[in-house]
Amino acid sequence: MPVVRKFARKALVEWECEQRADDVLLCVTELATNALRHGVPPGRGFKVHIYLERVESIIRVEMHDSGGGVVRAADGPPEADDEGGRGLLLVAALADKWGVAERNPGKVVWCEFSIV
């Protein structure tokens, strides 16, 4: 996910919104990884949108994919030796808000960060 992180970092620097950069970049990486692993059918891709809402003082990250499936954070922490299951827990812990919206085809998983 280096390309996605680089894209997000560049946007944050250009917007002079680096105060939550670590949180935003980790969530961008987690959402992009999830989209690639779980949301993208063979031969398809995913789309990343990052918005700065100056009036509302938020950064919004959206990951658009064309796959099916239900998105939800795990009910509890994964076992220590589990290889996955932490991504959306991290997003839920770091972002101020997150959610899922329908898209035809697929879905949008989004998160928001207050920059006040």
Protein backbone atom coordinates (compact mmCIF):
# COMPACT_ATOMS: atom_id res chain seq x y z
CA MET A 1 0.00 0.00 0.00
CA PRO A 2 2.94 2.41 -0.36
CA VAL A 3 1.28 4.23 -3.29
CA VAL A 4 -1.92 4.85 -1.31
CA ARG A 5 0.04 6.11 1.72
CA LYS A 6 2.16 8.37 -0.47
CA PHE A 7 -0.98 9.81 -2.11
CA ALA A 8 -2.58 10.47 1.30
CA ARG A 9 0.58 11.98 2.81
CA LYS A 10 0.98 14.32 -0.16
CA ALA A 11 -2.61 15.54 0.25
CA LEU A 12 -2.15 16.13 3.99
CA VAL A 13 1.07 18.09 3.43
CA GLU A 14 -0.49 20.21 0.67
CA TRP A 15 -3.49 20.96 2.91
CA GLU A 16 -1.21 21.70 5.88
CA CYS A 17 -3.17 19.14 7.92
CA GLU A 18 -0.44 16.99 9.34
CA GLN A 19 -1.57 17.03 12.99
CA ARG A 20 -3.46 13.70 12.57
CA ALA A 21 -1.28 12.35 9.77
CA ASP A 22 -0.23 9.16 11.56
CA ASP A 23 -3.84 8.21 12.32
CA VAL A 24 -5.04 9.08 8.82
CA LEU A 25 -2.21 7.19 7.13
CA LEU A 26 -2.70 4.06 9.22
CA CYS A 27 -6.43 4.06 8.50
CA VAL A 28 -5.87 4.67 4.78
CA THR A 29 -3.53 1.68 4.73
CA GLU A 30 -5.96 -0.55 6.63
CA LEU A 31 -8.95 0.38 4.46
CA ALA A 32 -6.98 -0.06 1.24
CA THR A 33 -5.69 -3.45 2.39
CA ASN A 34 -9.21 -4.57 3.28
CA ALA A 35 -10.54 -3.36 -0.08
CA LEU A 36 -7.85 -5.25 -1.91
CA ARG A 37 -8.18 -8.46 0.12
CA HIS A 38 -11.94 -8.60 0.62
CA GLY A 39 -13.72 -6.14 -1.64
CA VAL A 40 -12.18 -6.32 -5.08
CA PRO A 41 -13.32 -9.07 -7.44
CA PRO A 42 -10.64 -10.51 -9.76
CA GLY A 43 -9.73 -8.08 -12.51
CA ARG A 44 -11.16 -5.06 -10.69
CA GLY A 45 -9.64 -2.28 -8.63
CA PHE A 46 -10.61 0.09 -5.86
CA LYS A 47 -10.79 3.87 -5.62
CA VAL A 48 -9.47 6.13 -2.86
CA HIS A 49 -10.97 9.54 -2.09
CA ILE A 50 -9.57 11.88 0.53
CA TYR A 51 -11.43 15.09 1.27
CA LEU A 52 -10.65 18.12 3.36
CA GLU A 53 -13.80 19.78 4.68
CA ARG A 54 -12.49 23.09 6.00
CA VAL A 55 -15.91 24.36 7.12
CA GLU A 56 -16.54 21.22 9.19
CA SER A 57 -12.82 20.84 10.07
CA ILE A 58 -12.62 17.19 9.07
CA ILE A 59 -10.59 14.95 6.83
CA ARG A 60 -12.70 12.22 5.24
CA VAL A 61 -11.21 9.07 3.72
CA GLU A 62 -13.32 6.87 1.44
CA MET A 63 -12.39 3.50 -0.01
CA HIS A 64 -14.66 2.49 -2.90
CA ASP A 65 -14.72 -1.13 -4.07
CA SER A 66 -16.94 -3.12 -6.40
CA GLY A 67 -17.24 -6.31 -4.36
CA GLY A 68 -19.98 -7.69 -2.20
CA GLY A 69 -19.76 -8.66 1.40
CA VAL A 70 -20.58 -7.13 4.73
CA VAL A 71 -18.13 -4.86 6.53
CA ARG A 72 -17.99 -4.82 10.31
CA ALA A 73 -15.36 -4.66 12.99
CA ALA A 74 -14.66 -7.85 14.91
CA ASP A 75 -16.73 -8.44 18.04
CA GLY A 76 -13.58 -8.55 20.13
CA PRO A 77 -9.83 -8.50 19.83
CA PRO A 78 -8.26 -11.26 17.74
CA GLU A 79 -6.15 -13.94 19.34
CA ALA A 80 -2.45 -13.08 19.62
CA ASP A 81 -1.48 -15.52 16.85
CA ASP A 82 -4.27 -14.48 14.43
CA GLU A 83 -2.90 -13.01 11.21
CA GLY A 84 -5.84 -10.65 10.65
CA GLY A 85 -8.85 -9.08 12.28
CA ARG A 86 -7.27 -5.86 13.52
CA GLY A 87 -7.83 -3.45 10.64
CA LEU A 88 -11.31 -2.17 11.38
CA LEU A 89 -10.62 -2.26 15.12
CA LEU A 90 -7.75 0.17 14.45
CA VAL A 91 -9.94 2.34 12.24
CA ALA A 92 -12.68 2.42 14.92
CA ALA A 93 -10.11 3.32 17.59
CA LEU A 94 -8.28 6.04 15.62
CA ALA A 95 -10.99 7.73 13.55
CA ASP A 96 -13.64 9.98 15.06
CA LYS A 97 -16.31 8.31 12.91
CA TRP A 98 -16.40 5.45 10.42
CA GLY A 99 -19.01 3.56 8.49
CA VAL A 100 -20.09 1.80 5.34
CA ALA A 101 -22.30 3.03 2.51
CA GLU A 102 -23.76 1.18 -0.44
CA ARG A 103 -22.44 1.68 -3.92
CA ASN A 104 -23.53 0.05 -7.16
CA PRO A 105 -21.65 -2.19 -7.49
CA GLY A 106 -19.98 -2.65 -4.13
CA LYS A 107 -19.58 -0.40 -1.14
CA VAL A 108 -17.73 2.57 0.33
CA VAL A 109 -15.96 2.23 3.65
CA TRP A 110 -15.22 5.64 5.09
CA CYS A 111 -13.71 7.30 8.15
CA GLU A 112 -13.43 10.87 9.38
CA PHE A 113 -10.91 12.75 11.49
CA SER A 114 -11.51 16.03 13.30
CA ILE A 115 -8.74 18.56 12.67
CA VAL A 116 -9.80 21.27 15.09
